[in-house]
Amino acid sequence: MSAPPTAGGDAAAPAFNLLDEPWIPVRLASGQVTELGLLELFRQASGIEALAEPAPPSLVALHRILLAISHRALTCGQGRWSHKDRAHWYEHGLPADVFTGYLEQWRDRFWLFHPELPFMQVAALATAEETRDKLKPWTQVALDRASGNTPVVFDHGVDTQPPTVDAGLVLRHLLGFLQFTPGGLVKVFRGSDKAGPLSNTAAVLPLGGCLAQTLLLGLHPAPTDARHDLPAWERPAPTLAELRADARPSSGCCDRYSRLSRAVLLLREPGDARPLVRWIRFGAGLALLEDENAPDPMASQRAGSNGMVRVTFSEGRATWRDLGALLPDGSGTQARQAAVLGWADTLLDKLGQGDAKVPVIVAGLCSDQAKLLRWRMERYRLPANALHSEQAAEQVRDQLKRCEELFYQVRNVATAMFALTMPDAGSKDTRARARAVLDAGPFATAYFSVAERALPALLDAIAAGDFGAAHAQWSAVLLGAARGAWNSARLTLGYSVAALRAEASTRGRFEFLLKDLKPAPADQNRTEEPTT
């Protein structure tokens, strides 16, 4: 029989220090993909193009951990730094000695396996009556793996025989899980637990030309009191009493970015030089109480039917359709821009790059209660002036609103066309069936794919301040998108006599919707040249 696994709370020596051991996948400027420990990552930050983590939740969570480290290192090492300092670091690189000093100061809190203080874990689970003899597979914290009663299509693992995997990979999954886990039943320490900070959220993050610039673009302002907002590794080890306590709000970004929303303890498999993990201990964590007056800095909000709602990933709906929520809205009635974009805009303004294009990623996971539905990662290039100019932002929102309104108008007419081919065409049930048939076909894809291809040109025209040209170009795009969608619906309907009659009956209504999109006719009253 093999030896039992060991964990941070068991009588085991510290192992796998995250400062030294490679565990974060990065893409270097040369294109090479490798893994680095935290010390080497910050030393090479200006030569790292980006993180190379493929899972969207883990990618966002890694950035948040690195942002918390950056904020604390600069705050502890530089004191009350300013936007001018941030601009200097953006152009000349991060102060490596400051980061090295901070990380070395907290070296003992970055052991992945430790008897008392394992990184981002709860050692008390090793001795708690509820968890000491109860193990769960590591896939419990992997959002893309089968676990419990939430099977995944391409994962045929079972809880009783989980695979053994690299400890660094499990940690990356754990970080994503802590940020994106939905609320629901836990039944250990508490009956249920609150959701993670980014549950059901499409998180947004501005990108720089290298990792150092990305971190500086997303860095939140220096605090007035460096003792107020502490990350998990600067806090005392969580106690069982704290795990059983009521939810509490975050003290700031560093707390949110590293909140132990679930209590987890990794168990190391015996006998391997590079630590492997198969089992974990698991329970309710330090529940986060959300405050609507202090939204997550990476979450944008848009107007919903009952007030403002976070931007998330919806089935069949690309995120660019909600791009207006990433831009400022002084009225606060249509959108609430993610704070991280405002911090990026402040830095770009200080650098004199107000006319730059800002790449952003929108990444995360969508869930329905405790069921995980989809995750996604998309990348856009926003005009920097739209991040601070409400006029430019309003232009983007207006054009996207035109796109949405036209789609639903054409959809209504196409639904009527489908209904005319069915018995009792005027009934509510018939229209519902007709809409279901239309939505199951290529109609929406045919429309929005045309608009999406033209989106960069629209943003370029708005960035240049040529709002008239932007409106005219987008009108032509919407005209083509509407005709393409109508033709796809027409082909879906077929060429029966009933289909031809239905199309003839609704064609006039469809063309009426397009009248304002068509270019003005050429001037027919030109002065004729005299004949000789």
Protein backbone atom coordinates (compact mmCIF):
# COMPACT_ATOMS: atom_id res chain seq x y z
CA MET A 1 0.00 0.00 0.00
CA SER A 2 1.31 3.46 -0.91
CA ALA A 3 1.98 6.10 1.70
CA PRO A 4 -0.83 8.59 2.37
CA PRO A 5 -0.61 12.04 0.81
CA THR A 6 0.54 14.99 2.89
CA ALA A 7 -0.86 18.49 3.09
CA GLY A 8 -0.02 21.90 4.43
CA GLY A 9 -1.66 21.16 7.76
CA ASP A 10 -0.06 17.75 8.23
CA ALA A 11 3.35 17.18 9.78
CA ALA A 12 5.18 17.86 6.53
CA ALA A 13 8.16 20.07 5.78
CA PRO A 14 7.53 23.15 3.61
CA ALA A 15 7.80 22.38 -0.10
CA PHE A 16 7.43 24.06 -3.51
CA ASN A 17 8.12 27.72 -2.89
CA LEU A 18 6.33 29.79 -5.51
CA LEU A 19 9.06 32.42 -5.57
CA ASP A 20 11.55 29.95 -7.03
CA GLU A 21 9.65 27.06 -8.58
CA PRO A 22 8.38 27.60 -12.15
CA TRP A 23 4.57 27.48 -12.20
CA ILE A 24 3.25 30.51 -14.12
CA PRO A 25 3.14 29.98 -17.92
CA VAL A 26 4.38 33.01 -19.86
CA ARG A 27 5.07 33.91 -23.49
CA LEU A 28 8.39 35.69 -23.89
CA ALA A 29 9.02 38.43 -26.42
CA SER A 30 10.84 35.82 -28.54
CA GLY A 31 7.62 33.80 -28.77
CA GLN A 32 8.88 31.05 -26.48
CA VAL A 33 6.38 29.73 -23.93
CA THR A 34 7.84 28.69 -20.57
CA GLU A 35 7.01 28.67 -16.86
CA LEU A 36 8.53 30.99 -14.28
CA GLY A 37 8.48 31.47 -10.52
CA LEU A 38 7.43 34.80 -9.07
CA LEU A 39 10.94 36.22 -8.55
CA GLU A 40 12.02 35.49 -12.11
CA LEU A 41 8.67 36.66 -13.50
CA PHE A 42 9.03 40.13 -12.01
CA ARG A 43 12.71 40.32 -12.99
CA GLN A 44 11.78 39.60 -16.60
CA ALA A 45 8.44 41.43 -16.64
CA SER A 46 9.52 43.84 -19.39
CA GLY A 47 10.60 40.92 -21.59
CA ILE A 48 7.43 38.89 -21.08
CA GLU A 49 4.84 39.54 -23.75
CA ALA A 50 1.92 38.05 -21.82
CA LEU A 51 0.77 35.26 -19.56
CA ALA A 52 0.21 32.03 -21.50
CA GLU A 53 -2.49 30.50 -19.30
CA PRO A 54 -5.19 29.05 -21.63
CA ALA A 55 -8.09 28.81 -19.15
CA PRO A 56 -9.93 32.18 -18.97
CA PRO A 57 -10.78 32.03 -15.22
CA SER A 58 -7.20 31.11 -14.29
CA LEU A 59 -5.78 33.79 -16.61
CA VAL A 60 -7.82 36.52 -14.92
CA ALA A 61 -7.06 35.17 -11.45
CA LEU A 62 -3.31 35.07 -12.13
CA HIS A 63 -3.40 38.71 -13.23
CA ARG A 64 -5.24 39.61 -10.05
CA ILE A 65 -2.66 37.86 -7.85
CA LEU A 66 0.16 39.62 -9.73
CA LEU A 67 -1.64 42.96 -9.39
CA ALA A 68 -2.04 42.45 -5.64
CA ILE A 69 1.67 41.61 -5.33
CA SER A 70 2.60 44.65 -7.47
CA HIS A 71 0.42 46.99 -5.44
CA ARG A 72 1.77 45.79 -2.10
CA ALA A 73 5.40 45.74 -3.28
CA LEU A 74 5.21 49.30 -4.59
CA THR A 75 3.26 50.54 -1.58
CA CYS A 76 5.62 48.96 0.95
CA GLY A 77 8.76 49.83 -0.99
CA GLN A 78 7.94 53.25 -2.43
CA GLY A 79 5.42 54.68 0.01
CA ARG A 80 2.79 57.02 -1.45
CA TRP A 81 3.55 56.60 -5.16
CA SER A 82 1.77 58.71 -7.78
CA HIS A 83 0.51 58.49 -11.37
CA LYS A 84 3.76 60.16 -12.40
CA ASP A 85 5.67 57.28 -10.80
CA ARG A 86 3.46 54.80 -12.60
CA ALA A 87 4.18 56.50 -15.92
CA HIS A 88 7.92 56.37 -15.19
CA TRP A 89 7.77 52.62 -14.47
CA TYR A 90 5.67 52.11 -17.60
CA GLU A 91 8.42 53.65 -19.75
CA HIS A 92 11.49 52.35 -17.87
CA GLY A 93 10.38 49.10 -16.27
CA LEU A 94 9.35 47.97 -12.80
CA PRO A 95 11.80 48.57 -9.92
CA ALA A 96 13.02 44.97 -9.65
CA ASP A 97 14.73 45.46 -6.27
CA VAL A 98 11.45 46.63 -4.73
CA PHE A 99 9.65 43.48 -5.88
CA THR A 100 12.49 41.21 -4.83
CA GLY A 101 12.58 42.81 -1.38
CA TYR A 102 8.84 42.45 -0.90
CA LEU A 103 8.68 38.84 -2.05
CA GLU A 104 11.67 37.83 0.06
CA GLN A 105 10.10 39.51 3.07
CA TRP A 106 7.05 37.25 2.66
CA ARG A 107 8.88 34.16 1.40
CA ASP A 108 7.48 31.95 4.16
CA ARG A 109 3.92 32.72 2.98
CA PHE A 110 4.58 31.48 -0.57
CA TRP A 111 5.12 27.80 0.22
CA LEU A 112 2.47 25.78 -1.61
CA PHE A 113 2.85 23.00 0.98
CA HIS A 114 3.38 24.19 4.55
CA PRO A 115 2.22 22.80 7.92
CA GLU A 116 0.75 26.12 9.05
CA LEU A 117 0.71 28.71 6.22
CA PRO A 118 0.21 27.12 2.79
CA PHE A 119 -0.26 29.70 0.02
CA MET A 120 -3.94 30.57 -0.66
CA GLN A 121 -5.08 27.61 1.46
CA VAL A 122 -6.41 26.85 4.94
CA ALA A 123 -4.15 24.63 7.05
CA ALA A 124 -6.85 24.22 9.72
CA LEU A 125 -8.68 21.78 7.42
CA ALA A 126 -6.06 19.14 8.27
CA THR A 127 -7.26 18.93 11.88
CA ALA A 128 -10.88 20.09 11.68
CA GLU A 129 -13.34 17.34 12.57
CA GLU A 130 -15.43 18.07 9.46
CA THR A 131 -12.54 17.70 6.99
CA ARG A 132 -9.59 15.78 8.46
CA ASP A 133 -10.89 12.39 7.32
CA LYS A 134 -12.82 13.56 4.26
CA LEU A 135 -10.97 13.94 0.96
CA LYS A 136 -12.22 15.29 -2.34
CA PRO A 137 -10.63 14.99 -5.80
CA TRP A 138 -8.57 17.95 -6.94
CA THR A 139 -11.07 18.39 -9.78
CA GLN A 140 -13.37 19.93 -7.17
CA VAL A 141 -11.52 23.21 -7.84
CA ALA A 142 -11.13 22.74 -11.62
CA LEU A 143 -13.98 24.53 -13.36
CA ASP A 144 -13.52 22.57 -16.58
CA ARG A 145 -13.43 19.10 -15.01
CA ALA A 146 -16.12 16.63 -13.98
CA SER A 147 -16.82 16.69 -10.25
CA GLY A 148 -19.77 15.55 -8.19
CA ASN A 149 -22.96 15.82 -10.29
CA THR A 150 -21.53 18.34 -12.78
CA PRO A 151 -20.06 16.21 -15.59
CA VAL A 152 -18.26 17.83 -18.49
CA VAL A 153 -18.72 16.47 -22.02
CA PHE A 154 -15.08 15.67 -22.71
CA ASP A 155 -14.01 14.70 -19.19
CA HIS A 156 -14.86 11.16 -18.17
CA GLY A 157 -13.11 11.23 -14.78
CA VAL A 158 -14.83 10.02 -11.63
CA ASP A 159 -14.44 11.28 -8.08
CA THR A 160 -13.12 7.98 -6.76
CA GLN A 161 -10.21 7.83 -9.22
CA PRO A 162 -9.00 11.37 -9.98
CA PRO A 163 -5.82 11.71 -12.03
CA THR A 164 -2.58 12.82 -10.39
CA VAL A 165 -1.42 16.17 -11.79
CA ASP A 166 1.32 18.75 -11.32
CA ALA A 167 0.89 20.89 -8.20
CA GLY A 168 1.48 24.13 -10.14
CA LEU A 169 -1.40 23.29 -12.48
CA VAL A 170 -3.71 22.59 -9.54
CA LEU A 171 -2.77 25.94 -8.00
CA ARG A 172 -3.67 27.79 -11.20
CA HIS A 173 -7.02 26.00 -11.27
CA LEU A 174 -7.53 26.85 -7.59
CA LEU A 175 -6.91 30.56 -8.16
CA GLY A 176 -9.48 30.65 -10.97
CA PHE A 177 -11.94 28.70 -8.85
CA LEU A 178 -11.65 31.06 -5.88
CA GLN A 179 -12.48 34.05 -8.08
CA PHE A 180 -15.23 32.58 -10.26
CA THR A 181 -16.95 29.92 -8.15
CA PRO A 182 -20.74 30.38 -8.02
CA GLY A 183 -22.57 30.48 -4.72
CA GLY A 184 -24.34 27.38 -3.52
CA LEU A 185 -24.32 24.38 -1.21
CA VAL A 186 -21.08 23.48 0.55
CA LYS A 187 -22.28 21.68 3.72
CA VAL A 188 -18.92 21.98 5.45
CA PHE A 189 -18.72 24.65 8.20
CA ARG A 190 -21.84 26.26 6.67
CA GLY A 191 -24.77 24.91 4.68
CA SER A 192 -24.03 27.18 1.72
CA ASP A 193 -21.48 29.78 0.73
CA LYS A 194 -21.36 33.05 -1.17
CA ALA A 195 -20.06 33.30 -4.72
CA GLY A 196 -16.53 34.29 -5.61
CA PRO A 197 -15.75 37.93 -6.48
CA LEU A 198 -16.09 37.39 -10.25
CA SER A 199 -18.90 34.84 -10.33
CA ASN A 200 -20.89 35.08 -13.57
CA THR A 201 -18.74 37.96 -14.79
CA ALA A 202 -16.98 38.82 -18.03
CA ALA A 203 -13.91 40.43 -16.44
CA VAL A 204 -12.07 43.11 -18.41
CA LEU A 205 -8.34 43.80 -18.33
CA PRO A 206 -6.34 46.34 -20.39
CA LEU A 207 -3.16 45.00 -21.99
CA GLY A 208 0.20 46.69 -22.46
CA GLY A 209 3.06 45.85 -24.77
CA CYS A 210 4.59 43.58 -22.10
CA LEU A 211 3.58 42.10 -18.76
CA ALA A 212 5.09 45.00 -16.80
CA GLN A 213 2.97 47.50 -18.76
CA THR A 214 -0.14 45.35 -18.38
CA LEU A 215 0.28 45.32 -14.61
CA LEU A 216 0.80 49.08 -14.50
CA LEU A 217 -2.26 49.76 -16.65
CA GLY A 218 -4.43 47.72 -14.28
CA LEU A 219 -2.84 48.90 -11.03
CA HIS A 220 -5.23 50.50 -8.56
CA PRO A 221 -4.25 53.78 -6.87
CA ALA A 222 -1.90 53.95 -3.91
CA PRO A 223 -3.73 53.71 -0.56
CA THR A 224 -3.80 56.40 2.09
CA ASP A 225 -3.13 53.72 4.72
CA ALA A 226 -0.89 50.80 3.72
CA ARG A 227 -2.26 48.69 6.61
CA HIS A 228 -5.87 48.77 5.49
CA ASP A 229 -6.14 46.51 2.41
CA LEU A 230 -4.04 43.36 2.81
CA PRO A 231 -3.85 40.31 0.52
CA ALA A 232 -4.36 36.79 1.87
CA TRP A 233 -0.63 36.11 2.36
CA GLU A 234 -0.21 39.12 4.65
CA ARG A 235 -3.11 38.12 6.89
CA PRO A 236 -3.10 35.63 9.77
CA ALA A 237 -3.98 32.04 8.90
CA PRO A 238 -7.79 31.66 8.68
CA THR A 239 -9.39 30.01 11.70
CA LEU A 240 -12.38 27.68 11.81
CA ALA A 241 -14.34 30.41 13.59
CA GLU A 242 -13.72 32.76 10.65
CA LEU A 243 -14.84 30.09 8.18
CA ARG A 244 -18.10 29.71 10.10
CA ALA A 245 -18.64 33.45 10.46
CA ASP A 246 -20.97 35.64 8.39
CA ALA A 247 -19.86 37.12 5.11
CA ARG A 248 -17.84 40.33 5.25
CA PRO A 249 -17.15 42.95 2.56
CA SER A 250 -13.71 43.34 1.05
CA SER A 251 -11.33 45.94 2.43
CA GLY A 252 -10.11 46.79 -1.07
CA CYS A 253 -8.71 45.39 -4.30
CA CYS A 254 -5.91 43.34 -2.72
CA ASP A 255 -8.45 41.59 -0.51
CA ARG A 256 -10.82 40.94 -3.44
CA TYR A 257 -8.04 39.69 -5.69
CA SER A 258 -6.91 37.11 -3.11
CA ARG A 259 -10.09 36.33 -1.16
CA LEU A 260 -10.29 32.71 0.02
CA SER A 261 -13.89 32.31 -1.08
CA ARG A 262 -13.59 28.59 -0.35
CA ALA A 263 -11.35 26.82 2.17
CA VAL A 264 -9.06 24.40 0.33
CA LEU A 265 -6.00 22.35 1.32
CA LEU A 266 -3.93 20.52 -1.30
CA LEU A 267 -2.51 17.11 -0.42
CA ARG A 268 0.86 16.21 -1.88
CA GLU A 269 1.32 12.72 -3.30
CA PRO A 270 4.35 10.93 -1.79
CA GLY A 271 7.59 10.11 -3.53
CA ASP A 272 7.82 12.68 -6.33
CA ALA A 273 10.55 15.29 -6.75
CA ARG A 274 8.10 17.62 -8.48
CA PRO A 275 5.00 17.70 -6.22
CA LEU A 276 1.86 16.05 -7.57
CA VAL A 277 -1.69 16.35 -6.27
CA ARG A 278 -4.63 13.94 -6.40
CA TRP A 279 -6.72 14.86 -3.34
CA ILE A 280 -7.72 18.00 -1.46
CA ARG A 281 -9.68 18.97 1.63
CA PHE A 282 -12.54 21.38 1.03
CA GLY A 283 -15.02 23.55 2.92
CA ALA A 284 -16.74 26.91 3.12
CA GLY A 285 -14.40 29.88 2.96
CA LEU A 286 -14.18 33.53 3.96
CA ALA A 287 -17.46 34.54 2.38
CA LEU A 288 -17.52 37.81 0.45
CA LEU A 289 -20.35 40.26 1.12
CA GLU A 290 -20.85 42.32 -2.03
CA ASP A 291 -21.37 46.09 -1.77
CA GLU A 292 -23.18 47.67 -4.73
CA ASN A 293 -21.33 50.91 -3.99
CA ALA A 294 -17.96 49.17 -4.38
CA PRO A 295 -18.25 46.93 -7.47
CA ASP A 296 -15.42 44.71 -8.60
CA PRO A 297 -12.87 46.86 -10.48
CA MET A 298 -12.78 44.42 -13.43
CA ALA A 299 -16.57 44.15 -13.80
CA SER A 300 -18.45 46.41 -16.20
CA GLN A 301 -22.20 46.90 -15.90
CA ARG A 302 -24.93 47.60 -18.43
CA ALA A 303 -28.56 48.59 -18.13
CA GLY A 304 -30.85 45.59 -17.58
CA SER A 305 -34.58 45.24 -17.24
CA ASN A 306 -34.36 45.82 -13.47
CA GLY A 307 -31.39 48.15 -13.12
CA MET A 308 -27.69 47.73 -13.76
CA VAL A 309 -26.33 44.20 -14.24
CA ARG A 310 -22.81 42.86 -14.69
CA VAL A 311 -21.69 42.08 -18.22
CA THR A 312 -21.47 38.31 -18.57
CA PHE A 313 -21.38 35.73 -21.34
CA SER A 314 -24.75 34.82 -22.82
CA GLU A 315 -25.45 31.95 -25.15
CA GLY A 316 -25.36 33.11 -28.77
CA ARG A 317 -24.42 36.68 -27.82
CA ALA A 318 -20.91 37.96 -28.53
CA THR A 319 -19.43 40.30 -25.93
CA TRP A 320 -18.79 43.09 -28.45
CA ARG A 321 -22.52 43.79 -28.44
CA ASP A 322 -22.04 45.03 -24.85
CA LEU A 323 -18.88 46.97 -25.66
CA GLY A 324 -20.58 50.22 -24.66
CA ALA A 325 -20.55 49.03 -21.05
CA LEU A 326 -16.74 49.25 -21.09
CA LEU A 327 -16.88 52.99 -21.79
CA PRO A 328 -17.70 55.92 -19.48
CA ASP A 329 -21.26 57.11 -19.00
CA GLY A 330 -21.65 60.27 -16.95
CA SER A 331 -25.34 59.65 -16.36
CA GLY A 332 -24.73 56.15 -15.02
CA THR A 333 -27.99 54.98 -16.60
CA GLN A 334 -26.63 53.03 -19.57
CA ALA A 335 -23.27 51.73 -18.37
CA ARG A 336 -20.80 51.63 -15.50
CA GLN A 337 -17.28 51.29 -16.75
CA ALA A 338 -14.95 48.86 -14.99
CA ALA A 339 -12.66 50.89 -12.75
CA VAL A 340 -9.58 49.17 -14.16
CA LEU A 341 -10.23 50.87 -17.52
CA GLY A 342 -10.36 54.25 -15.83
CA TRP A 343 -7.00 53.57 -14.16
CA ALA A 344 -5.55 52.61 -17.54
CA ASP A 345 -6.91 55.78 -19.12
CA THR A 346 -5.35 57.92 -16.38
CA LEU A 347 -1.95 56.36 -17.05
CA LEU A 348 -2.22 56.75 -20.84
CA ASP A 349 -3.21 60.38 -20.38
CA LYS A 350 -0.16 60.94 -18.16
CA LEU A 351 1.98 59.34 -20.89
CA GLY A 352 0.49 61.56 -23.58
CA GLN A 353 -1.00 58.57 -25.39
CA GLY A 354 -4.61 59.72 -25.46
CA ASP A 355 -4.93 58.75 -29.12
CA ALA A 356 -3.62 55.20 -28.69
CA LYS A 357 -5.58 52.02 -29.20
CA VAL A 358 -5.88 50.00 -26.02
CA PRO A 359 -6.05 46.20 -26.35
CA VAL A 360 -8.33 44.66 -23.74
CA ILE A 361 -9.27 41.11 -22.96
CA VAL A 362 -12.73 40.19 -21.74
CA ALA A 363 -12.59 36.80 -20.07
CA GLY A 364 -14.46 34.76 -17.53
CA LEU A 365 -17.14 32.20 -16.90
CA CYS A 366 -20.93 32.12 -16.95
CA SER A 367 -23.00 29.97 -14.62
CA ASP A 368 -26.63 29.28 -13.79
CA GLN A 369 -26.73 29.01 -10.02
CA ALA A 370 -24.18 26.24 -9.31
CA LYS A 371 -24.12 24.91 -12.89
CA LEU A 372 -21.23 26.14 -15.01
CA LEU A 373 -22.41 26.90 -18.55
CA ARG A 374 -19.57 28.39 -20.59
CA TRP A 375 -16.34 30.28 -20.45
CA ARG A 376 -14.88 32.60 -23.01
CA MET A 377 -12.01 34.94 -23.74
CA GLU A 378 -12.23 37.72 -26.32
CA ARG A 379 -9.86 40.51 -27.29
CA TYR A 380 -10.68 44.01 -28.57
CA ARG A 381 -8.80 47.20 -29.35
CA LEU A 382 -10.59 50.20 -27.85
CA PRO A 383 -9.82 53.78 -28.92
CA ALA A 384 -8.22 55.44 -25.92
CA ASN A 385 -10.27 58.61 -26.41
CA ALA A 386 -13.44 56.54 -25.93
CA LEU A 387 -12.17 55.53 -22.49
CA HIS A 388 -12.31 59.13 -21.26
CA SER A 389 -14.42 61.07 -23.79
CA GLU A 390 -18.10 60.67 -23.03
CA GLN A 391 -18.91 62.04 -26.49
CA ALA A 392 -16.90 59.30 -28.20
CA ALA A 393 -18.25 56.70 -25.80
CA GLU A 394 -21.80 57.83 -26.53
CA GLN A 395 -21.14 57.48 -30.25
CA VAL A 396 -20.04 53.88 -29.76
CA ARG A 397 -23.11 53.11 -27.67
CA ASP A 398 -25.45 54.81 -30.16
CA GLN A 399 -24.12 52.83 -33.09
CA LEU A 400 -24.27 49.55 -31.20
CA LYS A 401 -27.81 50.41 -30.12
CA ARG A 402 -28.78 50.93 -33.76
CA CYS A 403 -27.38 47.51 -34.52
CA GLU A 404 -29.42 45.86 -31.76
CA GLU A 405 -32.65 47.68 -32.57
CA LEU A 406 -32.48 46.87 -36.28
CA PHE A 407 -31.81 43.20 -35.51
CA TYR A 408 -34.92 42.86 -33.38
CA GLN A 409 -37.04 44.78 -35.90
CA VAL A 410 -35.94 42.55 -38.76
CA ARG A 411 -36.35 39.50 -36.51
CA ASN A 412 -39.97 40.46 -35.81
CA VAL A 413 -40.75 40.75 -39.51
CA ALA A 414 -38.97 37.47 -40.28
CA THR A 415 -40.96 35.81 -37.47
CA ALA A 416 -44.17 37.04 -39.08
CA MET A 417 -42.99 35.59 -42.41
CA PHE A 418 -42.40 32.20 -40.80
CA ALA A 419 -45.75 32.33 -39.01
CA LEU A 420 -47.59 32.89 -42.31
CA THR A 421 -46.46 29.44 -43.45
CA MET A 422 -48.05 27.78 -40.39
CA PRO A 423 -51.70 27.06 -39.48
CA ASP A 424 -53.44 29.78 -37.47
CA ALA A 425 -50.76 32.35 -38.34
CA GLY A 426 -52.23 35.06 -36.12
CA SER A 427 -52.13 33.18 -32.82
CA LYS A 428 -49.61 33.87 -30.10
CA ASP A 429 -48.52 30.23 -29.95
CA THR A 430 -47.87 30.16 -33.69
CA ARG A 431 -45.66 33.24 -33.49
CA ALA A 432 -43.76 31.65 -30.60
CA ARG A 433 -43.15 28.52 -32.70
CA ALA A 434 -42.13 30.64 -35.67
CA ARG A 435 -39.63 32.60 -33.57
CA ALA A 436 -38.18 29.36 -32.18
CA VAL A 437 -37.66 28.00 -35.71
CA LEU A 438 -36.05 31.28 -36.81
CA ASP A 439 -33.74 31.43 -33.80
CA ALA A 440 -32.63 27.84 -34.33
CA GLY A 441 -31.35 28.73 -37.80
CA PRO A 442 -28.51 30.96 -39.06
CA PHE A 443 -30.49 34.22 -38.91
CA ALA A 444 -28.71 35.85 -35.93
CA THR A 445 -25.29 34.59 -36.99
CA ALA A 446 -25.76 35.93 -40.51
CA TYR A 447 -26.62 39.36 -39.11
CA PHE A 448 -24.08 39.82 -36.33
CA SER A 449 -21.13 38.24 -38.15
CA VAL A 450 -21.33 40.99 -40.79
CA ALA A 451 -21.51 43.69 -38.12
CA GLU A 452 -18.66 42.20 -36.10
CA ARG A 453 -16.28 42.20 -39.07
CA ALA A 454 -16.87 45.92 -39.52
CA LEU A 455 -16.54 46.81 -35.82
CA PRO A 456 -12.81 47.77 -35.95
CA ALA A 457 -13.50 50.25 -38.77
CA LEU A 458 -16.33 51.79 -36.75
CA LEU A 459 -14.09 52.22 -33.71
CA ASP A 460 -11.33 53.71 -35.88
CA ALA A 461 -13.70 56.30 -37.34
CA ILE A 462 -15.00 57.25 -33.90
CA ALA A 463 -11.45 57.43 -32.55
CA ALA A 464 -10.59 59.87 -35.36
CA GLY A 465 -13.54 62.04 -34.33
CA ASP A 466 -15.27 61.62 -37.69
CA PHE A 467 -18.67 60.78 -36.28
CA GLY A 468 -20.52 61.52 -39.54
CA ALA A 469 -18.36 59.08 -41.50
CA ALA A 470 -18.75 56.51 -38.72
CA HIS A 471 -22.54 56.80 -38.91
CA ALA A 472 -22.58 56.49 -42.70
CA GLN A 473 -20.18 53.53 -42.77
CA TRP A 474 -22.09 51.72 -40.05
CA SER A 475 -25.38 52.34 -41.86
CA ALA A 476 -23.99 50.58 -44.93
CA VAL A 477 -22.81 47.71 -42.73
CA LEU A 478 -26.20 47.34 -41.06
CA LEU A 479 -27.91 47.41 -44.46
CA GLY A 480 -25.77 44.51 -45.63
CA ALA A 481 -26.21 42.65 -42.34
CA ALA A 482 -30.00 42.97 -42.49
CA ARG A 483 -30.17 41.78 -46.09
CA GLY A 484 -27.88 38.84 -45.31
CA ALA A 485 -30.00 37.81 -42.34
CA TRP A 486 -33.21 38.14 -44.34
CA ASN A 487 -31.82 36.01 -47.15
CA SER A 488 -30.73 33.33 -44.66
CA ALA A 489 -34.26 33.29 -43.22
CA ARG A 490 -35.70 33.11 -46.71
CA LEU A 491 -33.52 30.11 -47.59
CA THR A 492 -34.46 28.40 -44.32
CA LEU A 493 -38.12 28.79 -45.22
CA GLY A 494 -37.69 27.13 -48.63
CA TYR A 495 -39.50 27.64 -51.94
CA SER A 496 -42.94 26.25 -51.35
CA VAL A 497 -45.95 28.23 -52.53
CA ALA A 498 -46.74 29.13 -48.91
CA ALA A 499 -43.15 30.34 -48.38
CA LEU A 500 -43.19 32.50 -51.52
CA ARG A 501 -46.52 34.05 -50.51
CA ALA A 502 -45.26 34.72 -46.97
CA GLU A 503 -42.12 36.39 -48.28
CA ALA A 504 -44.16 38.54 -50.69
CA SER A 505 -46.51 39.58 -47.88
CA THR A 506 -43.72 40.72 -45.55
CA ARG A 507 -41.11 42.03 -47.99
CA GLY A 508 -42.53 45.54 -47.93
CA ARG A 509 -42.29 45.76 -44.13
CA PHE A 510 -38.69 44.56 -44.32
CA GLU A 511 -37.70 47.11 -46.95
CA PHE A 512 -39.36 49.89 -44.92
CA LEU A 513 -36.99 49.13 -42.04
CA LEU A 514 -34.01 49.75 -44.32
CA LYS A 515 -35.07 53.08 -45.82
CA ASP A 516 -32.96 55.20 -43.44
CA LEU A 517 -29.88 53.05 -44.02
CA LYS A 518 -29.70 53.52 -47.76
CA PRO A 519 -27.42 56.26 -49.11
CA ALA A 520 -29.06 59.40 -50.39
CA PRO A 521 -29.77 59.28 -54.15
CA ALA A 522 -27.41 61.14 -56.44
CA ASP A 523 -28.35 64.71 -57.17
CA GLN A 524 -30.62 64.64 -60.19
CA ASN A 525 -30.73 68.40 -60.62
CA ARG A 526 -27.22 69.05 -61.81
CA THR A 527 -26.83 72.01 -64.08
CA GLU A 528 -26.59 70.82 -67.66
CA GLU A 529 -23.56 71.86 -69.65
CA PRO A 530 -24.36 74.07 -72.64
CA THR A 531 -24.28 72.40 -76.02
CA THR A 532 -22.00 73.65 -78.72
